[in-house]
Amino acid sequence: MTIEPKIQMISLSPAAADVVRNMLKERNLDETHALRLYIAGRTCSGFQYGMALDKEVHENDSTFESQGLKLLVDEQSLPYMEGCLVDFIDDERGKGFLVENPNQAPACSCDGGTCGS
């Protein structure tokens, strides 16, 4: 008997959820829209994330709910995003979304733009 592993939910902090709700309201979008999260690339400093408001759920998307909002993640990004917390910061680091990813390996220290193996 094979037991499928339980996928840990991807969640939004209250601050991130407030920003997404404001974005939906400003664009006159309703609750049929979701926040799509995806891995946009990877550099030596870690994953690069993409986000978009999306109404279309694709066949291979996983759907989550957090803070009353719908989240979509494609099947290629999902294994790298399990357990992520999406936060919104406005501090000395800057202003914007911050993805706290427990799957992120420690970043290497690059010298001259190249990473050693």
PDB file of N, CA and C in Angstrom:
ATOM      1  N   MET A   1       0.842  -1.180   0.000  1.00  0.00           N
ATOM      2  CA  MET A   1       0.000   0.000   0.000  1.00  0.00           C
ATOM      3  C   MET A   1       0.885   1.239   0.000  1.00  0.00           C
ATOM      4  N   THR A   2       0.650   2.139  -0.939  1.00  0.00           N
ATOM      5  CA  THR A   2       1.411   3.378  -1.038  1.00  0.00           C
ATOM      6  C   THR A   2       0.606   4.505  -0.418  1.00  0.00           C
ATOM      7  N   ILE A   3       1.243   5.246   0.454  1.00  0.00           N
ATOM      8  CA  ILE A   3       0.592   6.399   1.083  1.00  0.00           C
ATOM      9  C   ILE A   3       1.203   7.657   0.495  1.00  0.00           C
ATOM     10  N   GLU A   4       0.344   8.494  -0.055  1.00  0.00           N
ATOM     11  CA  GLU A   4       0.811   9.757  -0.609  1.00  0.00           C
ATOM     12  C   GLU A   4       1.221  10.680   0.535  1.00  0.00           C
ATOM     13  N   PRO A   5       2.385  11.321   0.418  1.00  0.00           N
ATOM     14  CA  PRO A   5       2.770  12.261   1.464  1.00  0.00           C
ATOM     15  C   PRO A   5       1.828  13.454   1.490  1.00  0.00           C
ATOM     16  N   LYS A   6       1.566  13.946   2.664  1.00  0.00           N
ATOM     17  CA  LYS A   6       0.714  15.119   2.802  1.00  0.00           C
ATOM     18  C   LYS A   6       1.545  16.351   2.461  1.00  0.00           C
ATOM     19  N   ILE A   7       1.040  17.139   1.527  1.00  0.00           N
ATOM     20  CA  ILE A   7       1.741  18.344   1.124  1.00  0.00           C
ATOM     21  C   ILE A   7       1.405  19.452   2.112  1.00  0.00           C
ATOM     22  N   GLN A   8       2.452  20.049   2.650  1.00  0.00           N
ATOM     23  CA  GLN A   8       2.238  21.140   3.593  1.00  0.00           C
ATOM     24  C   GLN A   8       1.737  22.351   2.831  1.00  0.00           C
ATOM     25  N   MET A   9       0.797  23.015   3.417  1.00  0.00           N
ATOM     26  CA  MET A   9       0.175  24.170   2.801  1.00  0.00           C
ATOM     27  C   MET A   9       1.150  25.328   2.629  1.00  0.00           C
ATOM     28  N   ILE A  10       0.911  26.129   1.628  1.00  0.00           N
ATOM     29  CA  ILE A  10       1.607  27.394   1.433  1.00  0.00           C
ATOM     30  C   ILE A  10       0.710  28.454   2.038  1.00  0.00           C
ATOM     31  N   SER A  11       1.291  29.356   2.822  1.00  0.00           N
ATOM     32  CA  SER A  11       0.441  30.301   3.535  1.00  0.00           C
ATOM     33  C   SER A  11       0.879  31.744   3.350  1.00  0.00           C
ATOM     34  N   LEU A  12      -0.066  32.637   3.612  1.00  0.00           N
ATOM     35  CA  LEU A  12       0.160  34.074   3.591  1.00  0.00           C
ATOM     36  C   LEU A  12       0.151  34.609   5.006  1.00  0.00           C
ATOM     37  N   SER A  13       1.017  35.563   5.281  1.00  0.00           N
ATOM     38  CA  SER A  13       0.941  36.261   6.560  1.00  0.00           C
ATOM     39  C   SER A  13      -0.245  37.223   6.488  1.00  0.00           C
ATOM     40  N   PRO A  14      -0.735  37.686   7.628  1.00  0.00           N
ATOM     41  CA  PRO A  14      -1.817  38.680   7.593  1.00  0.00           C
ATOM     42  C   PRO A  14      -1.433  39.927   6.786  1.00  0.00           C
ATOM     43  N   ALA A  15      -0.183  40.368   6.900  1.00  0.00           N
ATOM     44  CA  ALA A  15       0.255  41.561   6.156  1.00  0.00           C
ATOM     45  C   ALA A  15       0.210  41.311   4.653  1.00  0.00           C
ATOM     46  N   ALA A  16       0.681  40.154   4.194  1.00  0.00           N
ATOM     47  CA  ALA A  16       0.656  39.827   2.766  1.00  0.00           C
ATOM     48  C   ALA A  16      -0.786  39.710   2.278  1.00  0.00           C
ATOM     49  N   ALA A  17      -1.644  39.099   3.073  1.00  0.00           N
ATOM     50  CA  ALA A  17      -3.049  38.951   2.692  1.00  0.00           C
ATOM     51  C   ALA A  17      -3.713  40.315   2.535  1.00  0.00           C
ATOM     52  N   ASP A  18      -3.411  41.256   3.421  1.00  0.00           N
ATOM     53  CA  ASP A  18      -3.974  42.606   3.302  1.00  0.00           C
ATOM     54  C   ASP A  18      -3.548  43.269   2.003  1.00  0.00           C
ATOM     55  N   VAL A  19      -2.285  43.111   1.626  1.00  0.00           N
ATOM     56  CA  VAL A  19      -1.787  43.702   0.383  1.00  0.00           C
ATOM     57  C   VAL A  19      -2.478  43.066  -0.824  1.00  0.00           C
ATOM     58  N   VAL A  20      -2.637  41.750  -0.809  1.00  0.00           N
ATOM     59  CA  VAL A  20      -3.308  41.070  -1.929  1.00  0.00           C
ATOM     60  C   VAL A  20      -4.760  41.524  -2.016  1.00  0.00           C
ATOM     61  N   ARG A  21      -5.443  41.623  -0.886  1.00  0.00           N
ATOM     62  CA  ARG A  21      -6.840  42.094  -0.906  1.00  0.00           C
ATOM     63  C   ARG A  21      -6.925  43.501  -1.492  1.00  0.00           C
ATOM     64  N   ASN A  22      -5.993  44.367  -1.109  1.00  0.00           N
ATOM     65  CA  ASN A  22      -5.977  45.730  -1.647  1.00  0.00           C
ATOM     66  C   ASN A  22      -5.718  45.722  -3.153  1.00  0.00           C
ATOM     67  N   MET A  23      -4.829  44.854  -3.612  1.00  0.00           N
ATOM     68  CA  MET A  23      -4.554  44.742  -5.049  1.00  0.00           C
ATOM     69  C   MET A  23      -5.804  44.299  -5.804  1.00  0.00           C
ATOM     70  N   LEU A  24      -6.517  43.322  -5.258  1.00  0.00           N
ATOM     71  CA  LEU A  24      -7.751  42.850  -5.889  1.00  0.00           C
ATOM     72  C   LEU A  24      -8.776  43.983  -5.958  1.00  0.00           C
ATOM     73  N   LYS A  25      -8.915  44.711  -4.855  1.00  0.00           N
ATOM     74  CA  LYS A  25      -9.888  45.803  -4.789  1.00  0.00           C
ATOM     75  C   LYS A  25      -9.535  46.919  -5.770  1.00  0.00           C
ATOM     76  N   GLU A  26      -8.247  47.302  -5.822  1.00  0.00           N
ATOM     77  CA  GLU A  26      -7.803  48.369  -6.718  1.00  0.00           C
ATOM     78  C   GLU A  26      -8.043  48.012  -8.186  1.00  0.00           C
ATOM     79  N   ARG A  27      -7.979  46.730  -8.508  1.00  0.00           N
ATOM     80  CA  ARG A  27      -8.159  46.278  -9.891  1.00  0.00           C
ATOM     81  C   ARG A  27      -9.598  45.829 -10.178  1.00  0.00           C
ATOM     82  N   ASN A  28     -10.487  46.039  -9.194  1.00  0.00           N
ATOM     83  CA  ASN A  28     -11.892  45.637  -9.328  1.00  0.00           C
ATOM     84  C   ASN A  28     -12.031  44.157  -9.666  1.00  0.00           C
ATOM     85  N   LEU A  29     -11.224  43.314  -9.017  1.00  0.00           N
ATOM     86  CA  LEU A  29     -11.283  41.869  -9.209  1.00  0.00           C
ATOM     87  C   LEU A  29     -11.996  41.243  -8.018  1.00  0.00           C
ATOM     88  N   ASP A  30     -12.712  40.162  -8.262  1.00  0.00           N
ATOM     89  CA  ASP A  30     -13.462  39.518  -7.193  1.00  0.00           C
ATOM     90  C   ASP A  30     -12.746  38.274  -6.675  1.00  0.00           C
ATOM     91  N   GLU A  31     -13.462  37.520  -5.838  1.00  0.00           N
ATOM     92  CA  GLU A  31     -12.880  36.348  -5.181  1.00  0.00           C
ATOM     93  C   GLU A  31     -12.630  35.172  -6.118  1.00  0.00           C
ATOM     94  N   THR A  32     -13.031  35.298  -7.378  1.00  0.00           N
ATOM     95  CA  THR A  32     -12.701  34.240  -8.333  1.00  0.00           C
ATOM     96  C   THR A  32     -11.230  34.302  -8.742  1.00  0.00           C
ATOM     97  N   HIS A  33     -10.564  35.391  -8.438  1.00  0.00           N
ATOM     98  CA  HIS A  33      -9.143  35.525  -8.728  1.00  0.00           C
ATOM     99  C   HIS A  33      -8.326  34.985  -7.563  1.00  0.00           C
ATOM    100  N   ALA A  34      -7.163  34.475  -7.902  1.00  0.00           N
ATOM    101  CA  ALA A  34      -6.266  33.890  -6.907  1.00  0.00           C
ATOM    102  C   ALA A  34      -4.885  34.517  -7.063  1.00  0.00           C
ATOM    103  N   LEU A  35      -4.059  34.318  -6.052  1.00  0.00           N
ATOM    104  CA  LEU A  35      -2.662  34.707  -6.143  1.00  0.00           C
ATOM    105  C   LEU A  35      -1.884  33.495  -6.632  1.00  0.00           C
ATOM    106  N   ARG A  36      -1.308  33.615  -7.833  1.00  0.00           N
ATOM    107  CA  ARG A  36      -0.493  32.542  -8.388  1.00  0.00           C
ATOM    108  C   ARG A  36       0.945  32.767  -7.939  1.00  0.00           C
ATOM    109  N   LEU A  37       1.556  31.717  -7.370  1.00  0.00           N
ATOM    110  CA  LEU A  37       2.944  31.743  -6.917  1.00  0.00           C
ATOM    111  C   LEU A  37       3.733  30.730  -7.726  1.00  0.00           C
ATOM    112  N   TYR A  38       4.956  31.089  -8.118  1.00  0.00           N
ATOM    113  CA  TYR A  38       5.755  30.156  -8.897  1.00  0.00           C
ATOM    114  C   TYR A  38       7.244  30.462  -8.752  1.00  0.00           C
ATOM    115  N   ILE A  39       8.039  29.464  -9.051  1.00  0.00           N
ATOM    116  CA  ILE A  39       9.481  29.637  -9.099  1.00  0.00           C
ATOM    117  C   ILE A  39       9.799  30.198 -10.478  1.00  0.00           C
ATOM    118  N   ALA A  40      10.377  31.394 -10.520  1.00  0.00           N
ATOM    119  CA  ALA A  40      10.679  32.055 -11.787  1.00  0.00           C
ATOM    120  C   ALA A  40      12.100  31.769 -12.249  1.00  0.00           C
ATOM    121  N   GLY A  41      12.914  31.238 -11.366  1.00  0.00           N
ATOM    122  CA  GLY A  41      14.296  30.939 -11.710  1.00  0.00           C
ATOM    123  C   GLY A  41      15.094  30.671 -10.451  1.00  0.00           C
ATOM    124  N   ARG A  42      16.371  30.405 -10.649  1.00  0.00           N
ATOM    125  CA  ARG A  42      17.236  30.152  -9.507  1.00  0.00           C
ATOM    126  C   ARG A  42      18.608  30.729  -9.812  1.00  0.00           C
ATOM    127  N   THR A  43      19.151  31.410  -8.841  1.00  0.00           N
ATOM    128  CA  THR A  43      20.499  31.945  -8.949  1.00  0.00           C
ATOM    129  C   THR A  43      21.305  31.403  -7.788  1.00  0.00           C
ATOM    130  N   CYS A  44      22.569  31.785  -7.719  1.00  0.00           N
ATOM    131  CA  CYS A  44      23.382  31.298  -6.605  1.00  0.00           C
ATOM    132  C   CYS A  44      22.894  31.854  -5.268  1.00  0.00           C
ATOM    133  N   SER A  45      22.089  32.909  -5.293  1.00  0.00           N
ATOM    134  CA  SER A  45      21.562  33.441  -4.039  1.00  0.00           C
ATOM    135  C   SER A  45      20.209  32.841  -3.678  1.00  0.00           C
ATOM    136  N   GLY A  46      19.693  31.935  -4.508  1.00  0.00           N
ATOM    137  CA  GLY A  46      18.457  31.245  -4.156  1.00  0.00           C
ATOM    138  C   GLY A  46      17.395  31.326  -5.246  1.00  0.00           C
ATOM    139  N   PHE A  47      16.206  30.903  -4.880  1.00  0.00           N
ATOM    140  CA  PHE A  47      15.074  30.911  -5.805  1.00  0.00           C
ATOM    141  C   PHE A  47      14.632  32.337  -6.085  1.00  0.00           C
ATOM    142  N   GLN A  48      14.164  32.552  -7.295  1.00  0.00           N
ATOM    143  CA  GLN A  48      13.510  33.791  -7.685  1.00  0.00           C
ATOM    144  C   GLN A  48      12.034  33.453  -7.832  1.00  0.00           C
ATOM    145  N   TYR A  49      11.174  34.238  -7.213  1.00  0.00           N
ATOM    146  CA  TYR A  49       9.752  33.934  -7.185  1.00  0.00           C
ATOM    147  C   TYR A  49       8.971  34.882  -8.073  1.00  0.00           C
ATOM    148  N   GLY A  50       7.902  34.359  -8.617  1.00  0.00           N
ATOM    149  CA  GLY A  50       6.967  35.165  -9.380  1.00  0.00           C
ATOM    150  C   GLY A  50       5.599  35.090  -8.738  1.00  0.00           C
ATOM    151  N   MET A  51       4.835  36.153  -8.898  1.00  0.00           N
ATOM    152  CA  MET A  51       3.476  36.212  -8.369  1.00  0.00           C
ATOM    153  C   MET A  51       2.607  36.968  -9.356  1.00  0.00           C
ATOM    154  N   ALA A  52       1.362  36.538  -9.456  1.00  0.00           N
ATOM    155  CA  ALA A  52       0.410  37.213 -10.343  1.00  0.00           C
ATOM    156  C   ALA A  52      -0.997  36.940  -9.834  1.00  0.00           C
ATOM    157  N   LEU A  53      -1.900  37.841 -10.137  1.00  0.00           N
ATOM    158  CA  LEU A  53      -3.307  37.601  -9.873  1.00  0.00           C
ATOM    159  C   LEU A  53      -3.853  36.858 -11.078  1.00  0.00           C
ATOM    160  N   ASP A  54      -4.523  35.750 -10.828  1.00  0.00           N
ATOM    161  CA  ASP A  54      -4.930  34.874 -11.922  1.00  0.00           C
ATOM    162  C   ASP A  54      -6.312  34.313 -11.644  1.00  0.00           C
ATOM    163  N   LYS A  55      -7.122  34.256 -12.671  1.00  0.00           N
ATOM    164  CA  LYS A  55      -8.468  33.697 -12.558  1.00  0.00           C
ATOM    165  C   LYS A  55      -8.520  32.259 -13.062  1.00  0.00           C
ATOM    166  N   GLU A  56      -7.535  31.889 -13.883  1.00  0.00           N
ATOM    167  CA  GLU A  56      -7.548  30.585 -14.540  1.00  0.00           C
ATOM    168  C   GLU A  56      -6.789  29.538 -13.728  1.00  0.00           C
ATOM    169  N   VAL A  57      -7.477  28.459 -13.379  1.00  0.00           N
ATOM    170  CA  VAL A  57      -6.852  27.334 -12.695  1.00  0.00           C
ATOM    171  C   VAL A  57      -6.517  26.290 -13.754  1.00  0.00           C
ATOM    172  N   HIS A  58      -5.239  25.963 -13.876  1.00  0.00           N
ATOM    173  CA  HIS A  58      -4.797  24.981 -14.857  1.00  0.00           C
ATOM    174  C   HIS A  58      -4.929  23.564 -14.294  1.00  0.00           C
ATOM    175  N   GLU A  59      -4.974  22.605 -15.168  1.00  0.00           N
ATOM    176  CA  GLU A  59      -5.180  21.208 -14.784  1.00  0.00           C
ATOM    177  C   GLU A  59      -4.175  20.717 -13.740  1.00  0.00           C
ATOM    178  N   ASN A  60      -2.937  21.127 -13.852  1.00  0.00           N
ATOM    179  CA  ASN A  60      -1.896  20.641 -12.948  1.00  0.00           C
ATOM    180  C   ASN A  60      -1.576  21.601 -11.800  1.00  0.00           C
ATOM    181  N   ASP A  61      -2.454  22.560 -11.543  1.00  0.00           N
ATOM    182  CA  ASP A  61      -2.262  23.476 -10.430  1.00  0.00           C
ATOM    183  C   ASP A  61      -2.697  22.834  -9.122  1.00  0.00           C
ATOM    184  N   SER A  62      -2.014  23.183  -8.064  1.00  0.00           N
ATOM    185  CA  SER A  62      -2.483  22.871  -6.715  1.00  0.00           C
ATOM    186  C   SER A  62      -3.094  24.142  -6.164  1.00  0.00           C
ATOM    187  N   THR A  63      -4.200  23.997  -5.460  1.00  0.00           N
ATOM    188  CA  THR A  63      -4.917  25.138  -4.914  1.00  0.00           C
ATOM    189  C   THR A  63      -4.863  25.082  -3.399  1.00  0.00           C
ATOM    190  N   PHE A  64      -4.562  26.210  -2.796  1.00  0.00           N
ATOM    191  CA  PHE A  64      -4.514  26.336  -1.343  1.00  0.00           C
ATOM    192  C   PHE A  64      -5.372  27.522  -0.948  1.00  0.00           C
ATOM    193  N   GLU A  65      -5.736  27.576   0.313  1.00  0.00           N
ATOM    194  CA  GLU A  65      -6.421  28.750   0.844  1.00  0.00           C
ATOM    195  C   GLU A  65      -5.678  29.197   2.089  1.00  0.00           C
ATOM    196  N   SER A  66      -5.460  30.500   2.184  1.00  0.00           N
ATOM    197  CA  SER A  66      -4.794  31.069   3.341  1.00  0.00           C
ATOM    198  C   SER A  66      -5.339  32.468   3.583  1.00  0.00           C
ATOM    199  N   GLN A  67      -5.661  32.768   4.813  1.00  0.00           N
ATOM    200  CA  GLN A  67      -6.191  34.083   5.183  1.00  0.00           C
ATOM    201  C   GLN A  67      -7.424  34.444   4.346  1.00  0.00           C
ATOM    202  N   GLY A  68      -8.190  33.420   3.947  1.00  0.00           N
ATOM    203  CA  GLY A  68      -9.394  33.656   3.168  1.00  0.00           C
ATOM    204  C   GLY A  68      -9.148  33.925   1.695  1.00  0.00           C
ATOM    205  N   LEU A  69      -7.909  33.767   1.232  1.00  0.00           N
ATOM    206  CA  LEU A  69      -7.567  33.989  -0.172  1.00  0.00           C
ATOM    207  C   LEU A  69      -7.143  32.684  -0.820  1.00  0.00           C
ATOM    208  N   LYS A  70      -7.394  32.578  -2.107  1.00  0.00           N
ATOM    209  CA  LYS A  70      -7.027  31.390  -2.866  1.00  0.00           C
ATOM    210  C   LYS A  70      -5.618  31.571  -3.434  1.00  0.00           C
ATOM    211  N   LEU A  71      -4.806  30.511  -3.336  1.00  0.00           N
ATOM    212  CA  LEU A  71      -3.449  30.503  -3.858  1.00  0.00           C
ATOM    213  C   LEU A  71      -3.325  29.376  -4.878  1.00  0.00           C
ATOM    214  N   LEU A  72      -2.603  29.623  -5.963  1.00  0.00           N
ATOM    215  CA  LEU A  72      -2.360  28.627  -6.998  1.00  0.00           C
ATOM    216  C   LEU A  72      -0.863  28.413  -7.154  1.00  0.00           C
ATOM    217  N   VAL A  73      -0.460  27.150  -7.291  1.00  0.00           N
ATOM    218  CA  VAL A  73       0.945  26.814  -7.521  1.00  0.00           C
ATOM    219  C   VAL A  73       0.990  25.731  -8.588  1.00  0.00           C
ATOM    220  N   ASP A  74       1.832  25.925  -9.613  1.00  0.00           N
ATOM    221  CA  ASP A  74       1.945  24.931 -10.675  1.00  0.00           C
ATOM    222  C   ASP A  74       2.737  23.724 -10.175  1.00  0.00           C
ATOM    223  N   GLU A  75       2.598  22.603 -10.887  1.00  0.00           N
ATOM    224  CA  GLU A  75       3.210  21.356 -10.426  1.00  0.00           C
ATOM    225  C   GLU A  75       4.736  21.389 -10.435  1.00  0.00           C
ATOM    226  N   GLN A  76       5.360  22.184 -11.298  1.00  0.00           N
ATOM    227  CA  GLN A  76       6.817  22.268 -11.310  1.00  0.00           C
ATOM    228  C   GLN A  76       7.348  23.042 -10.101  1.00  0.00           C
ATOM    229  N   SER A  77       6.616  24.055  -9.671  1.00  0.00           N
ATOM    230  CA  SER A  77       7.057  24.891  -8.552  1.00  0.00           C
ATOM    231  C   SER A  77       6.737  24.276  -7.194  1.00  0.00           C
ATOM    232  N   LEU A  78       5.679  23.489  -7.139  1.00  0.00           N
ATOM    233  CA  LEU A  78       5.184  22.987  -5.858  1.00  0.00           C
ATOM    234  C   LEU A  78       6.229  22.282  -4.997  1.00  0.00           C
ATOM    235  N   PRO A  79       7.038  21.364  -5.520  1.00  0.00           N
ATOM    236  CA  PRO A  79       7.991  20.679  -4.647  1.00  0.00           C
ATOM    237  C   PRO A  79       8.990  21.625  -3.978  1.00  0.00           C
ATOM    238  N   TYR A  80       9.244  22.761  -4.614  1.00  0.00           N
ATOM    239  CA  TYR A  80      10.201  23.730  -4.069  1.00  0.00           C
ATOM    240  C   TYR A  80       9.545  24.743  -3.140  1.00  0.00           C
ATOM    241  N   MET A  81       8.207  24.746  -3.106  1.00  0.00           N
ATOM    242  CA  MET A  81       7.492  25.767  -2.337  1.00  0.00           C
ATOM    243  C   MET A  81       6.685  25.213  -1.168  1.00  0.00           C
ATOM    244  N   GLU A  82       6.735  23.903  -0.956  1.00  0.00           N
ATOM    245  CA  GLU A  82       5.985  23.317   0.155  1.00  0.00           C
ATOM    246  C   GLU A  82       6.414  23.958   1.465  1.00  0.00           C
ATOM    247  N   GLY A  83       5.446  24.396   2.237  1.00  0.00           N
ATOM    248  CA  GLY A  83       5.731  24.973   3.548  1.00  0.00           C
ATOM    249  C   GLY A  83       6.136  26.429   3.530  1.00  0.00           C
ATOM    250  N   CYS A  84       6.064  27.086   2.375  1.00  0.00           N
ATOM    251  CA  CYS A  84       6.459  28.495   2.287  1.00  0.00           C
ATOM    252  C   CYS A  84       5.457  29.406   3.002  1.00  0.00           C
ATOM    253  N   LEU A  85       5.997  30.478   3.538  1.00  0.00           N
ATOM    254  CA  LEU A  85       5.181  31.557   4.079  1.00  0.00           C
ATOM    255  C   LEU A  85       5.481  32.788   3.247  1.00  0.00           C
ATOM    256  N   VAL A  86       4.442  33.382   2.673  1.00  0.00           N
ATOM    257  CA  VAL A  86       4.592  34.618   1.918  1.00  0.00           C
ATOM    258  C   VAL A  86       4.225  35.759   2.853  1.00  0.00           C
ATOM    259  N   ASP A  87       5.188  36.646   3.067  1.00  0.00           N
ATOM    260  CA  ASP A  87       5.001  37.789   3.959  1.00  0.00           C
ATOM    261  C   ASP A  87       5.126  39.067   3.140  1.00  0.00           C
ATOM    262  N   PHE A  88       4.761  40.174   3.738  1.00  0.00           N
ATOM    263  CA  PHE A  88       4.978  41.481   3.128  1.00  0.00           C
ATOM    264  C   PHE A  88       5.729  42.321   4.128  1.00  0.00           C
ATOM    265  N   ILE A  89       6.847  42.889   3.689  1.00  0.00           N
ATOM    266  CA  ILE A  89       7.668  43.680   4.595  1.00  0.00           C
ATOM    267  C   ILE A  89       7.752  45.130   4.117  1.00  0.00           C
ATOM    268  N   ASP A  90       7.964  46.008   5.064  1.00  0.00           N
ATOM    269  CA  ASP A  90       8.214  47.424   4.790  1.00  0.00           C
ATOM    270  C   ASP A  90       9.145  47.888   5.899  1.00  0.00           C
ATOM    271  N   ASP A  91      10.439  47.609   5.715  1.00  0.00           N
ATOM    272  CA  ASP A  91      11.433  47.927   6.735  1.00  0.00           C
ATOM    273  C   ASP A  91      12.772  48.239   6.077  1.00  0.00           C
ATOM    274  N   GLU A  92      13.844  48.138   6.840  1.00  0.00           N
ATOM    275  CA  GLU A  92      15.175  48.474   6.316  1.00  0.00           C
ATOM    276  C   GLU A  92      15.611  47.576   5.154  1.00  0.00           C
ATOM    277  N   ARG A  93      14.987  46.420   5.000  1.00  0.00           N
ATOM    278  CA  ARG A  93      15.310  45.524   3.878  1.00  0.00           C
ATOM    279  C   ARG A  93      14.641  45.962   2.587  1.00  0.00           C
ATOM    280  N   GLY A  94      13.625  46.800   2.713  1.00  0.00           N
ATOM    281  CA  GLY A  94      12.879  47.259   1.548  1.00  0.00           C
ATOM    282  C   GLY A  94      11.390  47.071   1.757  1.00  0.00           C
ATOM    283  N   LYS A  95      10.657  47.198   0.683  1.00  0.00           N
ATOM    284  CA  LYS A  95       9.203  47.064   0.730  1.00  0.00           C
ATOM    285  C   LYS A  95       8.794  46.088  -0.353  1.00  0.00           C
ATOM    286  N   GLY A  96       8.084  45.041   0.045  1.00  0.00           N
ATOM    287  CA  GLY A  96       7.608  44.074  -0.934  1.00  0.00           C
ATOM    288  C   GLY A  96       7.346  42.721  -0.311  1.00  0.00           C
ATOM    289  N   PHE A  97       6.980  41.791  -1.161  1.00  0.00           N
ATOM    290  CA  PHE A  97       6.711  40.434  -0.707  1.00  0.00           C
ATOM    291  C   PHE A  97       8.023  39.723  -0.404  1.00  0.00           C
ATOM    292  N   LEU A  98       7.996  38.913   0.624  1.00  0.00           N
ATOM    293  CA  LEU A  98       9.150  38.119   1.031  1.00  0.00           C
ATOM    294  C   LEU A  98       8.674  36.689   1.207  1.00  0.00           C
ATOM    295  N   VAL A  99       9.315  35.756   0.518  1.00  0.00           N
ATOM    296  CA  VAL A  99       8.954  34.346   0.628  1.00  0.00           C
ATOM    297  C   VAL A  99       9.937  33.670   1.570  1.00  0.00           C
ATOM    298  N   GLU A 100       9.420  33.164   2.668  1.00  0.00           N
ATOM    299  CA  GLU A 100      10.221  32.393   3.617  1.00  0.00           C
ATOM    300  C   GLU A 100      10.054  30.930   3.245  1.00  0.00           C
ATOM    301  N   ASN A 101      11.128  30.349   2.700  1.00  0.00           N
ATOM    302  CA  ASN A 101      11.062  29.017   2.130  1.00  0.00           C
ATOM    303  C   ASN A 101      11.929  28.038   2.914  1.00  0.00           C
ATOM    304  N   PRO A 102      11.322  27.054   3.593  1.00  0.00           N
ATOM    305  CA  PRO A 102      12.102  26.080   4.347  1.00  0.00           C
ATOM    306  C   PRO A 102      12.877  25.111   3.447  1.00  0.00           C
ATOM    307  N   ASN A 103      12.594  25.105   2.148  1.00  0.00           N
ATOM    308  CA  ASN A 103      13.273  24.221   1.207  1.00  0.00           C
ATOM    309  C   ASN A 103      14.510  24.857   0.596  1.00  0.00           C
ATOM    310  N   GLN A 104      14.738  26.120   0.909  1.00  0.00           N
ATOM    311  CA  GLN A 104      15.839  26.867   0.316  1.00  0.00           C
ATOM    312  C   GLN A 104      17.159  26.441   0.940  1.00  0.00           C
ATOM    313  N   ALA A 105      18.061  25.943   0.120  1.00  0.00           N
ATOM    314  CA  ALA A 105      19.400  25.599   0.588  1.00  0.00           C
ATOM    315  C   ALA A 105      20.159  26.881   0.894  1.00  0.00           C
ATOM    316  N   PRO A 106      21.106  26.824   1.810  1.00  0.00           N
ATOM    317  CA  PRO A 106      21.898  28.025   2.091  1.00  0.00           C
ATOM    318  C   PRO A 106      22.565  28.530   0.817  1.00  0.00           C
ATOM    319  N   ALA A 107      22.539  29.842   0.642  1.00  0.00           N
ATOM    320  CA  ALA A 107      23.131  30.444  -0.548  1.00  0.00           C
ATOM    321  C   ALA A 107      24.648  30.421  -0.467  1.00  0.00           C
ATOM    322  N   CYS A 108      25.281  30.263  -1.614  1.00  0.00           N
ATOM    323  CA  CYS A 108      26.744  30.273  -1.632  1.00  0.00           C
ATOM    324  C   CYS A 108      27.230  31.710  -1.629  1.00  0.00           C
ATOM    325  N   SER A 109      28.475  31.901  -1.355  1.00  0.00           N
ATOM    326  CA  SER A 109      29.051  33.243  -1.452  1.00  0.00           C
ATOM    327  C   SER A 109      29.788  33.300  -2.776  1.00  0.00           C
ATOM    328  N   CYS A 110      29.266  34.115  -3.662  1.00  0.00           N
ATOM    329  CA  CYS A 110      29.837  34.195  -5.000  1.00  0.00           C
ATOM    330  C   CYS A 110      31.022  35.142  -5.022  1.00  0.00           C
ATOM    331  N   ASP A 111      31.958  34.834  -5.871  1.00  0.00           N
ATOM    332  CA  ASP A 111      33.122  35.672  -6.067  1.00  0.00           C
ATOM    333  C   ASP A 111      33.231  35.919  -7.560  1.00  0.00           C
ATOM    334  N   GLY A 112      32.977  37.156  -7.959  1.00  0.00           N
ATOM    335  CA  GLY A 112      33.066  37.477  -9.371  1.00  0.00           C
ATOM    336  C   GLY A 112      31.909  36.955 -10.200  1.00  0.00           C
ATOM    337  N   GLY A 113      30.796  36.641  -9.555  1.00  0.00           N
ATOM    338  CA  GLY A 113      29.612  36.210 -10.286  1.00  0.00           C
ATOM    339  C   GLY A 113      29.562  34.741 -10.600  1.00  0.00           C
ATOM    340  N   THR A 114      30.516  33.936 -10.142  1.00  0.00           N
ATOM    341  CA  THR A 114      30.459  32.493 -10.404  1.00  0.00           C
ATOM    342  C   THR A 114      30.458  31.737  -9.088  1.00  0.00           C
ATOM    343  N   CYS A 115      29.830  30.619  -9.095  1.00  0.00           N
ATOM    344  CA  CYS A 115      29.776  29.782  -7.881  1.00  0.00           C
ATOM    345  C   CYS A 115      30.614  28.543  -8.087  1.00  0.00           C
ATOM    346  N   GLY A 116      31.308  28.173  -7.052  1.00  0.00           N
ATOM    347  CA  GLY A 116      32.067  26.932  -7.094  1.00  0.00           C
ATOM    348  C   GLY A 116      31.208  25.759  -6.688  1.00  0.00           C
ATOM    349  N   SER A 117      31.569  24.583  -7.118  1.00  0.00           N
ATOM    350  CA  SER A 117      30.800  23.394  -6.762  1.00  0.00           C
ATOM    351  C   SER A 117      31.393  22.731  -5.543  1.00  0.00           C
TER     352      SER A 117
END
